[in-house]
Amino acid sequence: MLRPGGRLVVSTHHPTADWIRQGGSYFTIETIEETWSQGWTVRYWRLPLTATSAEFAQAGFLIERLVEPRPAPGMVERFPKHYDKLNREPGFINFRLVKP
C-alpha cells in the first residue's frame, strides 16, 4: 500500500548478470535455484528487462527512475576483483516506481 504520490523502490540482480552466468538466451524466462558462496540456496526468476518492466506496468506502476549502480570507490581496496568486474558488468539494477 502506498500513499498518494508514494514511490516504490525495487533493487534486484541485473538481468544481464544472469544471462552472462547462466548462458543460453537472454530472453528465457525461468526459475533458477543456486547455491551461493556462503552456502545459501536461493531461488529467483530469470527474466529479461522487458518482462520486468511489463510486470511493473501490469501492476499499475511507471518507472520514474532506473539506476545501474557502480561499486563504491572504497570497495577497490577490500575486493579488487569484484570491484573491477562490477565496473565492467552490472550486477544490480534499481527502479523507482510511481503510480500515476
PDB file of N, CA and C in Angstrom:
ATOM      1  N   MET A   1       0.846  -1.161   0.000  1.00  0.00           N
ATOM      2  CA  MET A   1       0.000   0.000   0.000  1.00  0.00           C
ATOM      3  C   MET A   1       0.898   1.232   0.000  1.00  0.00           C
ATOM      4  N   LEU A   2       0.606   2.149  -0.890  1.00  0.00           N
ATOM      5  CA  LEU A   2       1.357   3.396  -0.988  1.00  0.00           C
ATOM      6  C   LEU A   2       0.428   4.573  -0.739  1.00  0.00           C
ATOM      7  N   ARG A   3       0.985   5.591  -0.125  1.00  0.00           N
ATOM      8  CA  ARG A   3       0.245   6.853  -0.009  1.00  0.00           C
ATOM      9  C   ARG A   3       0.123   7.458  -1.398  1.00  0.00           C
ATOM     10  N   PRO A   4      -0.847   8.310  -1.629  1.00  0.00           N
ATOM     11  CA  PRO A   4      -0.901   9.010  -2.919  1.00  0.00           C
ATOM     12  C   PRO A   4       0.416   9.731  -3.169  1.00  0.00           C
ATOM     13  N   GLY A   5       0.961   9.554  -4.345  1.00  0.00           N
ATOM     14  CA  GLY A   5       2.239  10.161  -4.700  1.00  0.00           C
ATOM     15  C   GLY A   5       3.444   9.406  -4.149  1.00  0.00           C
ATOM     16  N   GLY A   6       3.195   8.277  -3.451  1.00  0.00           N
ATOM     17  CA  GLY A   6       4.286   7.492  -2.885  1.00  0.00           C
ATOM     18  C   GLY A   6       5.109   6.811  -3.967  1.00  0.00           C
ATOM     19  N   ARG A   7       6.293   6.367  -3.599  1.00  0.00           N
ATOM     20  CA  ARG A   7       7.201   5.694  -4.528  1.00  0.00           C
ATOM     21  C   ARG A   7       7.529   4.313  -3.988  1.00  0.00           C
ATOM     22  N   LEU A   8       7.762   3.391  -4.895  1.00  0.00           N
ATOM     23  CA  LEU A   8       8.223   2.049  -4.555  1.00  0.00           C
ATOM     24  C   LEU A   8       9.610   1.885  -5.149  1.00  0.00           C
ATOM     25  N   VAL A   9      10.575   1.478  -4.324  1.00  0.00           N
ATOM     26  CA  VAL A   9      11.938   1.263  -4.804  1.00  0.00           C
ATOM     27  C   VAL A   9      12.191  -0.237  -4.826  1.00  0.00           C
ATOM     28  N   VAL A  10      12.649  -0.727  -5.971  1.00  0.00           N
ATOM     29  CA  VAL A  10      12.948  -2.148  -6.159  1.00  0.00           C
ATOM     30  C   VAL A  10      14.415  -2.268  -6.562  1.00  0.00           C
ATOM     31  N   SER A  11      15.142  -3.127  -5.860  1.00  0.00           N
ATOM     32  CA  SER A  11      16.536  -3.418  -6.206  1.00  0.00           C
ATOM     33  C   SER A  11      16.630  -4.921  -6.442  1.00  0.00           C
ATOM     34  N   THR A  12      17.220  -5.304  -7.561  1.00  0.00           N
ATOM     35  CA  THR A  12      17.321  -6.723  -7.896  1.00  0.00           C
ATOM     36  C   THR A  12      18.594  -6.960  -8.711  1.00  0.00           C
ATOM     37  N   HIS A  13      18.895  -8.212  -8.934  1.00  0.00           N
ATOM     38  CA  HIS A  13      20.055  -8.551  -9.758  1.00  0.00           C
ATOM     39  C   HIS A  13      19.789  -8.107 -11.192  1.00  0.00           C
ATOM     40  N   HIS A  14      20.828  -7.692 -11.863  1.00  0.00           N
ATOM     41  CA  HIS A  14      20.702  -7.191 -13.233  1.00  0.00           C
ATOM     42  C   HIS A  14      20.461  -8.376 -14.174  1.00  0.00           C
ATOM     43  N   PRO A  15      19.512  -8.271 -15.113  1.00  0.00           N
ATOM     44  CA  PRO A  15      19.223  -9.401 -15.999  1.00  0.00           C
ATOM     45  C   PRO A  15      20.408  -9.834 -16.861  1.00  0.00           C
ATOM     46  N   THR A  16      21.298  -8.917 -17.194  1.00  0.00           N
ATOM     47  CA  THR A  16      22.452  -9.347 -17.986  1.00  0.00           C
ATOM     48  C   THR A  16      23.415 -10.192 -17.152  1.00  0.00           C
ATOM     49  N   ALA A  17      23.454  -9.953 -15.834  1.00  0.00           N
ATOM     50  CA  ALA A  17      24.318 -10.765 -14.965  1.00  0.00           C
ATOM     51  C   ALA A  17      23.859 -12.220 -14.979  1.00  0.00           C
ATOM     52  N   ASP A  18      22.540 -12.426 -14.942  1.00  0.00           N
ATOM     53  CA  ASP A  18      22.006 -13.791 -15.012  1.00  0.00           C
ATOM     54  C   ASP A  18      22.370 -14.438 -16.337  1.00  0.00           C
ATOM     55  N   TRP A  19      22.224 -13.687 -17.410  1.00  0.00           N
ATOM     56  CA  TRP A  19      22.496 -14.209 -18.743  1.00  0.00           C
ATOM     57  C   TRP A  19      23.969 -14.570 -18.892  1.00  0.00           C
ATOM     58  N   ILE A  20      24.863 -13.702 -18.423  1.00  0.00           N
ATOM     59  CA  ILE A  20      26.301 -13.981 -18.518  1.00  0.00           C
ATOM     60  C   ILE A  20      26.638 -15.245 -17.729  1.00  0.00           C
ATOM     61  N   ARG A  21      26.079 -15.373 -16.522  1.00  0.00           N
ATOM     62  CA  ARG A  21      26.388 -16.512 -15.658  1.00  0.00           C
ATOM     63  C   ARG A  21      25.715 -17.804 -16.131  1.00  0.00           C
ATOM     64  N   GLN A  22      24.463 -17.716 -16.570  1.00  0.00           N
ATOM     65  CA  GLN A  22      23.687 -18.909 -16.914  1.00  0.00           C
ATOM     66  C   GLN A  22      23.814 -19.317 -18.383  1.00  0.00           C
ATOM     67  N   GLY A  23      24.137 -18.344 -19.254  1.00  0.00           N
ATOM     68  CA  GLY A  23      24.214 -18.650 -20.678  1.00  0.00           C
ATOM     69  C   GLY A  23      22.832 -18.792 -21.292  1.00  0.00           C
ATOM     70  N   GLY A  24      22.783 -19.359 -22.474  1.00  0.00           N
ATOM     71  CA  GLY A  24      21.508 -19.535 -23.166  1.00  0.00           C
ATOM     72  C   GLY A  24      20.990 -18.227 -23.717  1.00  0.00           C
ATOM     73  N   SER A  25      19.681 -18.143 -23.864  1.00  0.00           N
ATOM     74  CA  SER A  25      19.044 -16.953 -24.409  1.00  0.00           C
ATOM     75  C   SER A  25      18.766 -15.939 -23.309  1.00  0.00           C
ATOM     76  N   TYR A  26      19.098 -14.696 -23.566  1.00  0.00           N
ATOM     77  CA  TYR A  26      18.786 -13.613 -22.634  1.00  0.00           C
ATOM     78  C   TYR A  26      17.281 -13.533 -22.398  1.00  0.00           C
ATOM     79  N   PHE A  27      16.480 -13.918 -23.375  1.00  0.00           N
ATOM     80  CA  PHE A  27      15.029 -13.771 -23.301  1.00  0.00           C
ATOM     81  C   PHE A  27      14.321 -14.934 -22.613  1.00  0.00           C
ATOM     82  N   THR A  28      15.064 -15.921 -22.137  1.00  0.00           N
ATOM     83  CA  THR A  28      14.467 -17.044 -21.419  1.00  0.00           C
ATOM     84  C   THR A  28      13.869 -16.558 -20.103  1.00  0.00           C
ATOM     85  N   ILE A  29      12.657 -17.012 -19.816  1.00  0.00           N
ATOM     86  CA  ILE A  29      12.012 -16.733 -18.523  1.00  0.00           C
ATOM     87  C   ILE A  29      11.915 -18.060 -17.797  1.00  0.00           C
ATOM     88  N   GLU A  30      12.594 -18.133 -16.639  1.00  0.00           N
ATOM     89  CA  GLU A  30      12.615 -19.388 -15.893  1.00  0.00           C
ATOM     90  C   GLU A  30      12.977 -19.139 -14.437  1.00  0.00           C
ATOM     91  N   THR A  31      12.692 -20.131 -13.610  1.00  0.00           N
ATOM     92  CA  THR A  31      13.104 -20.099 -12.214  1.00  0.00           C
ATOM     93  C   THR A  31      14.488 -20.721 -12.116  1.00  0.00           C
ATOM     94  N   ILE A  32      15.368 -20.066 -11.377  1.00  0.00           N
ATOM     95  CA  ILE A  32      16.738 -20.548 -11.157  1.00  0.00           C
ATOM     96  C   ILE A  32      16.894 -20.869  -9.680  1.00  0.00           C
ATOM     97  N   GLU A  33      17.546 -21.973  -9.384  1.00  0.00           N
ATOM     98  CA  GLU A  33      17.921 -22.284  -8.000  1.00  0.00           C
ATOM     99  C   GLU A  33      19.427 -22.489  -7.973  1.00  0.00           C
ATOM    100  N   GLU A  34      20.105 -21.759  -7.084  1.00  0.00           N
ATOM    101  CA  GLU A  34      21.559 -21.808  -6.996  1.00  0.00           C
ATOM    102  C   GLU A  34      21.987 -21.879  -5.534  1.00  0.00           C
ATOM    103  N   THR A  35      23.184 -22.373  -5.320  1.00  0.00           N
ATOM    104  CA  THR A  35      23.804 -22.285  -4.002  1.00  0.00           C
ATOM    105  C   THR A  35      24.921 -21.269  -4.118  1.00  0.00           C
ATOM    106  N   TRP A  36      24.818 -20.206  -3.320  1.00  0.00           N
ATOM    107  CA  TRP A  36      25.799 -19.130  -3.364  1.00  0.00           C
ATOM    108  C   TRP A  36      26.979 -19.440  -2.456  1.00  0.00           C
ATOM    109  N   SER A  37      27.984 -18.574  -2.501  1.00  0.00           N
ATOM    110  CA  SER A  37      29.270 -18.830  -1.849  1.00  0.00           C
ATOM    111  C   SER A  37      29.185 -19.072  -0.349  1.00  0.00           C
ATOM    112  N   GLN A  38      28.223 -18.533   0.327  1.00  0.00           N
ATOM    113  CA  GLN A  38      28.094 -18.734   1.771  1.00  0.00           C
ATOM    114  C   GLN A  38      27.268 -19.980   2.091  1.00  0.00           C
ATOM    115  N   GLY A  39      26.961 -20.784   1.080  1.00  0.00           N
ATOM    116  CA  GLY A  39      26.168 -21.985   1.275  1.00  0.00           C
ATOM    117  C   GLY A  39      24.668 -21.724   1.253  1.00  0.00           C
ATOM    118  N   TRP A  40      24.260 -20.504   0.901  1.00  0.00           N
ATOM    119  CA  TRP A  40      22.841 -20.163   0.838  1.00  0.00           C
ATOM    120  C   TRP A  40      22.248 -20.694  -0.450  1.00  0.00           C
ATOM    121  N   THR A  41      21.132 -21.380  -0.339  1.00  0.00           N
ATOM    122  CA  THR A  41      20.380 -21.797  -1.525  1.00  0.00           C
ATOM    123  C   THR A  41      19.331 -20.734  -1.793  1.00  0.00           C
ATOM    124  N   VAL A  42      19.347 -20.198  -2.996  1.00  0.00           N
ATOM    125  CA  VAL A  42      18.405 -19.139  -3.371  1.00  0.00           C
ATOM    126  C   VAL A  42      17.637 -19.554  -4.622  1.00  0.00           C
ATOM    127  N   ARG A  43      16.406 -19.098  -4.692  1.00  0.00           N
ATOM    128  CA  ARG A  43      15.560 -19.341  -5.869  1.00  0.00           C
ATOM    129  C   ARG A  43      15.046 -17.986  -6.338  1.00  0.00           C
ATOM    130  N   TYR A  44      15.136 -17.743  -7.638  1.00  0.00           N
ATOM    131  CA  TYR A  44      14.689 -16.470  -8.188  1.00  0.00           C
ATOM    132  C   TYR A  44      14.279 -16.666  -9.642  1.00  0.00           C
ATOM    133  N   TRP A  45      13.603 -15.647 -10.175  1.00  0.00           N
ATOM    134  CA  TRP A  45      13.205 -15.651 -11.578  1.00  0.00           C
ATOM    135  C   TRP A  45      14.287 -15.008 -12.425  1.00  0.00           C
ATOM    136  N   ARG A  46      14.574 -15.640 -13.523  1.00  0.00           N
ATOM    137  CA  ARG A  46      15.444 -15.070 -14.554  1.00  0.00           C
ATOM    138  C   ARG A  46      14.517 -14.500 -15.617  1.00  0.00           C
ATOM    139  N   LEU A  47      14.570 -13.185 -15.831  1.00  0.00           N
ATOM    140  CA  LEU A  47      13.699 -12.536 -16.809  1.00  0.00           C
ATOM    141  C   LEU A  47      14.448 -11.430 -17.534  1.00  0.00           C
ATOM    142  N   PRO A  48      14.112 -11.190 -18.771  1.00  0.00           N
ATOM    143  CA  PRO A  48      14.702 -10.041 -19.462  1.00  0.00           C
ATOM    144  C   PRO A  48      14.080  -8.746 -18.932  1.00  0.00           C
ATOM    145  N   LEU A  49      14.745  -7.648 -19.172  1.00  0.00           N
ATOM    146  CA  LEU A  49      14.279  -6.347 -18.705  1.00  0.00           C
ATOM    147  C   LEU A  49      12.874  -6.024 -19.213  1.00  0.00           C
ATOM    148  N   THR A  50      12.557  -6.444 -20.416  1.00  0.00           N
ATOM    149  CA  THR A  50      11.223  -6.208 -20.976  1.00  0.00           C
ATOM    150  C   THR A  50      10.143  -6.853 -20.113  1.00  0.00           C
ATOM    151  N   ALA A  51      10.379  -8.078 -19.646  1.00  0.00           N
ATOM    152  CA  ALA A  51       9.392  -8.777 -18.814  1.00  0.00           C
ATOM    153  C   ALA A  51       9.238  -8.110 -17.451  1.00  0.00           C
ATOM    154  N   THR A  52      10.348  -7.696 -16.864  1.00  0.00           N
ATOM    155  CA  THR A  52      10.284  -6.994 -15.575  1.00  0.00           C
ATOM    156  C   THR A  52       9.493  -5.698 -15.712  1.00  0.00           C
ATOM    157  N   SER A  53       9.779  -4.929 -16.759  1.00  0.00           N
ATOM    158  CA  SER A  53       9.071  -3.671 -16.992  1.00  0.00           C
ATOM    159  C   SER A  53       7.582  -3.906 -17.228  1.00  0.00           C
ATOM    160  N   ALA A  54       7.251  -4.962 -17.954  1.00  0.00           N
ATOM    161  CA  ALA A  54       5.840  -5.285 -18.211  1.00  0.00           C
ATOM    162  C   ALA A  54       5.105  -5.633 -16.920  1.00  0.00           C
ATOM    163  N   GLU A  55       5.784  -6.334 -16.006  1.00  0.00           N
ATOM    164  CA  GLU A  55       5.155  -6.667 -14.718  1.00  0.00           C
ATOM    165  C   GLU A  55       4.879  -5.409 -13.904  1.00  0.00           C
ATOM    166  N   PHE A  56       5.806  -4.453 -13.923  1.00  0.00           N
ATOM    167  CA  PHE A  56       5.569  -3.187 -13.223  1.00  0.00           C
ATOM    168  C   PHE A  56       4.350  -2.480 -13.823  1.00  0.00           C
ATOM    169  N   ALA A  57       4.287  -2.413 -15.151  1.00  0.00           N
ATOM    170  CA  ALA A  57       3.165  -1.752 -15.826  1.00  0.00           C
ATOM    171  C   ALA A  57       1.849  -2.461 -15.529  1.00  0.00           C
ATOM    172  N   GLN A  58       1.874  -3.781 -15.521  1.00  0.00           N
ATOM    173  CA  GLN A  58       0.663  -4.563 -15.248  1.00  0.00           C
ATOM    174  C   GLN A  58       0.145  -4.283 -13.834  1.00  0.00           C
ATOM    175  N   ALA A  59       1.057  -3.979 -12.914  1.00  0.00           N
ATOM    176  CA  ALA A  59       0.676  -3.652 -11.535  1.00  0.00           C
ATOM    177  C   ALA A  59       0.298  -2.176 -11.391  1.00  0.00           C
ATOM    178  N   GLY A  60       0.340  -1.419 -12.501  1.00  0.00           N
ATOM    179  CA  GLY A  60      -0.076  -0.023 -12.487  1.00  0.00           C
ATOM    180  C   GLY A  60       1.027   0.975 -12.184  1.00  0.00           C
ATOM    181  N   PHE A  61       2.273   0.560 -12.276  1.00  0.00           N
ATOM    182  CA  PHE A  61       3.398   1.449 -11.986  1.00  0.00           C
ATOM    183  C   PHE A  61       4.060   1.961 -13.258  1.00  0.00           C
ATOM    184  N   LEU A  62       4.646   3.130 -13.157  1.00  0.00           N
ATOM    185  CA  LEU A  62       5.533   3.674 -14.181  1.00  0.00           C
ATOM    186  C   LEU A  62       6.937   3.700 -13.588  1.00  0.00           C
ATOM    187  N   ILE A  63       7.930   3.473 -14.428  1.00  0.00           N
ATOM    188  CA  ILE A  63       9.316   3.578 -13.979  1.00  0.00           C
ATOM    189  C   ILE A  63       9.684   5.050 -14.013  1.00  0.00           C
ATOM    190  N   GLU A  64       9.913   5.617 -12.829  1.00  0.00           N
ATOM    191  CA  GLU A  64      10.284   7.017 -12.716  1.00  0.00           C
ATOM    192  C   GLU A  64      11.795   7.188 -12.872  1.00  0.00           C
ATOM    193  N   ARG A  65      12.541   6.189 -12.389  1.00  0.00           N
ATOM    194  CA  ARG A  65      13.998   6.249 -12.486  1.00  0.00           C
ATOM    195  C   ARG A  65      14.556   4.832 -12.508  1.00  0.00           C
ATOM    196  N   LEU A  66      15.594   4.630 -13.292  1.00  0.00           N
ATOM    197  CA  LEU A  66      16.299   3.354 -13.380  1.00  0.00           C
ATOM    198  C   LEU A  66      17.783   3.638 -13.148  1.00  0.00           C
ATOM    199  N   VAL A  67      18.406   2.868 -12.244  1.00  0.00           N
ATOM    200  CA  VAL A  67      19.825   3.068 -11.938  1.00  0.00           C
ATOM    201  C   VAL A  67      20.536   1.727 -12.008  1.00  0.00           C
ATOM    202  N   GLU A  68      21.692   1.703 -12.669  1.00  0.00           N
ATOM    203  CA  GLU A  68      22.571   0.538 -12.681  1.00  0.00           C
ATOM    204  C   GLU A  68      23.782   0.915 -11.829  1.00  0.00           C
ATOM    205  N   PRO A  69      23.724   0.627 -10.520  1.00  0.00           N
ATOM    206  CA  PRO A  69      24.761   1.126  -9.616  1.00  0.00           C
ATOM    207  C   PRO A  69      26.144   0.561  -9.908  1.00  0.00           C
ATOM    208  N   ARG A  70      27.129   1.403  -9.685  1.00  0.00           N
ATOM    209  CA  ARG A  70      28.537   1.018  -9.793  1.00  0.00           C
ATOM    210  C   ARG A  70      29.063   0.810  -8.380  1.00  0.00           C
ATOM    211  N   PRO A  71      30.143   0.079  -8.216  1.00  0.00           N
ATOM    212  CA  PRO A  71      30.660  -0.162  -6.869  1.00  0.00           C
ATOM    213  C   PRO A  71      31.201   1.116  -6.221  1.00  0.00           C
ATOM    214  N   ALA A  72      31.095   1.165  -4.909  1.00  0.00           N
ATOM    215  CA  ALA A  72      31.639   2.299  -4.157  1.00  0.00           C
ATOM    216  C   ALA A  72      33.158   2.307  -4.290  1.00  0.00           C
ATOM    217  N   PRO A  73      33.774   3.484  -4.370  1.00  0.00           N
ATOM    218  CA  PRO A  73      35.232   3.553  -4.533  1.00  0.00           C
ATOM    219  C   PRO A  73      36.006   2.789  -3.456  1.00  0.00           C
ATOM    220  N   GLY A  74      35.522   2.772  -2.223  1.00  0.00           N
ATOM    221  CA  GLY A  74      36.218   2.080  -1.144  1.00  0.00           C
ATOM    222  C   GLY A  74      36.281   0.571  -1.319  1.00  0.00           C
ATOM    223  N   MET A  75      35.483   0.035  -2.213  1.00  0.00           N
ATOM    224  CA  MET A  75      35.451  -1.410  -2.438  1.00  0.00           C
ATOM    225  C   MET A  75      36.722  -1.905  -3.119  1.00  0.00           C
ATOM    226  N   VAL A  76      37.392  -1.041  -3.862  1.00  0.00           N
ATOM    227  CA  VAL A  76      38.568  -1.445  -4.633  1.00  0.00           C
ATOM    228  C   VAL A  76      39.662  -2.019  -3.729  1.00  0.00           C
ATOM    229  N   GLU A  77      39.804  -1.510  -2.536  1.00  0.00           N
ATOM    230  CA  GLU A  77      40.855  -1.992  -1.637  1.00  0.00           C
ATOM    231  C   GLU A  77      40.534  -3.351  -1.032  1.00  0.00           C
ATOM    232  N   ARG A  78      39.284  -3.574  -0.634  1.00  0.00           N
ATOM    233  CA  ARG A  78      38.911  -4.828   0.023  1.00  0.00           C
ATOM    234  C   ARG A  78      38.590  -5.946  -0.952  1.00  0.00           C
ATOM    235  N   PHE A  79      37.970  -5.598  -2.082  1.00  0.00           N
ATOM    236  CA  PHE A  79      37.518  -6.607  -3.042  1.00  0.00           C
ATOM    237  C   PHE A  79      37.885  -6.192  -4.466  1.00  0.00           C
ATOM    238  N   PRO A  80      39.164  -6.132  -4.798  1.00  0.00           N
ATOM    239  CA  PRO A  80      39.561  -5.595  -6.111  1.00  0.00           C
ATOM    240  C   PRO A  80      38.982  -6.368  -7.294  1.00  0.00           C
ATOM    241  N   LYS A  81      38.888  -7.701  -7.216  1.00  0.00           N
ATOM    242  CA  LYS A  81      38.339  -8.485  -8.342  1.00  0.00           C
ATOM    243  C   LYS A  81      36.861  -8.152  -8.574  1.00  0.00           C
ATOM    244  N   HIS A  82      36.097  -8.100  -7.487  1.00  0.00           N
ATOM    245  CA  HIS A  82      34.671  -7.780  -7.608  1.00  0.00           C
ATOM    246  C   HIS A  82      34.481  -6.344  -8.086  1.00  0.00           C
ATOM    247  N   TYR A  83      35.327  -5.450  -7.576  1.00  0.00           N
ATOM    248  CA  TYR A  83      35.253  -4.048  -7.986  1.00  0.00           C
ATOM    249  C   TYR A  83      35.461  -3.918  -9.497  1.00  0.00           C
ATOM    250  N   ASP A  84      36.497  -4.555 -10.016  1.00  0.00           N
ATOM    251  CA  ASP A  84      36.774  -4.492 -11.456  1.00  0.00           C
ATOM    252  C   ASP A  84      35.625  -5.082 -12.271  1.00  0.00           C
ATOM    253  N   LYS A  85      35.121  -6.232 -11.818  1.00  0.00           N
ATOM    254  CA  LYS A  85      34.029  -6.885 -12.551  1.00  0.00           C
ATOM    255  C   LYS A  85      32.777  -6.007 -12.576  1.00  0.00           C
ATOM    256  N   LEU A  86      32.405  -5.424 -11.426  1.00  0.00           N
ATOM    257  CA  LEU A  86      31.197  -4.605 -11.362  1.00  0.00           C
ATOM    258  C   LEU A  86      31.345  -3.272 -12.091  1.00  0.00           C
ATOM    259  N   ASN A  87      32.555  -2.887 -12.424  1.00  0.00           N
ATOM    260  CA  ASN A  87      32.758  -1.704 -13.257  1.00  0.00           C
ATOM    261  C   ASN A  87      32.667  -2.045 -14.743  1.00  0.00           C
ATOM    262  N   ARG A  88      32.688  -3.348 -15.081  1.00  0.00           N
ATOM    263  CA  ARG A  88      32.548  -3.805 -16.474  1.00  0.00           C
ATOM    264  C   ARG A  88      31.157  -4.369 -16.755  1.00  0.00           C
ATOM    265  N   GLU A  89      30.607  -5.082 -15.772  1.00  0.00           N
ATOM    266  CA  GLU A  89      29.332  -5.797 -15.941  1.00  0.00           C
ATOM    267  C   GLU A  89      28.407  -5.419 -14.794  1.00  0.00           C
ATOM    268  N   PRO A  90      27.224  -4.907 -15.085  1.00  0.00           N
ATOM    269  CA  PRO A  90      26.325  -4.531 -13.989  1.00  0.00           C
ATOM    270  C   PRO A  90      25.868  -5.762 -13.210  1.00  0.00           C
ATOM    271  N   GLY A  91      25.862  -5.644 -11.892  1.00  0.00           N
ATOM    272  CA  GLY A  91      25.415  -6.742 -11.043  1.00  0.00           C
ATOM    273  C   GLY A  91      23.996  -6.539 -10.542  1.00  0.00           C
ATOM    274  N   PHE A  92      23.600  -5.268 -10.398  1.00  0.00           N
ATOM    275  CA  PHE A  92      22.287  -4.938  -9.845  1.00  0.00           C
ATOM    276  C   PHE A  92      21.610  -3.893 -10.704  1.00  0.00           C
ATOM    277  N   ILE A  93      20.305  -3.783 -10.510  1.00  0.00           N
ATOM    278  CA  ILE A  93      19.526  -2.744 -11.171  1.00  0.00           C
ATOM    279  C   ILE A  93      18.483  -2.269 -10.164  1.00  0.00           C
ATOM    280  N   ASN A  94      18.287  -0.957 -10.108  1.00  0.00           N
ATOM    281  CA  ASN A  94      17.333  -0.361  -9.168  1.00  0.00           C
ATOM    282  C   ASN A  94      16.282   0.421  -9.944  1.00  0.00           C
ATOM    283  N   PHE A  95      15.053   0.330  -9.471  1.00  0.00           N
ATOM    284  CA  PHE A  95      13.931   1.050 -10.082  1.00  0.00           C
ATOM    285  C   PHE A  95      13.243   1.889  -9.018  1.00  0.00           C
ATOM    286  N   ARG A  96      12.881   3.108  -9.372  1.00  0.00           N
ATOM    287  CA  ARG A  96      11.972   3.889  -8.537  1.00  0.00           C
ATOM    288  C   ARG A  96      10.664   3.964  -9.316  1.00  0.00           C
ATOM    289  N   LEU A  97       9.617   3.411  -8.740  1.00  0.00           N
ATOM    290  CA  LEU A  97       8.324   3.280  -9.405  1.00  0.00           C
ATOM    291  C   LEU A  97       7.314   4.226  -8.776  1.00  0.00           C
ATOM    292  N   VAL A  98       6.389   4.688  -9.605  1.00  0.00           N
ATOM    293  CA  VAL A  98       5.329   5.574  -9.142  1.00  0.00           C
ATOM    294  C   VAL A  98       4.021   5.115  -9.777  1.00  0.00           C
ATOM    295  N   LYS A  99       2.925   5.291  -9.038  1.00  0.00           N
ATOM    296  CA  LYS A  99       1.601   5.044  -9.620  1.00  0.00           C
ATOM    297  C   LYS A  99       1.028   6.382 -10.052  1.00  0.00           C
ATOM    298  N   PRO A 100       0.710   6.519 -11.329  1.00  0.00           N
ATOM    299  CA  PRO A 100       0.195   7.820 -11.815  1.00  0.00           C
ATOM    300  C   PRO A 100      -1.200   8.127 -11.279  1.00  0.00           C
TER     301      PRO A 100
END
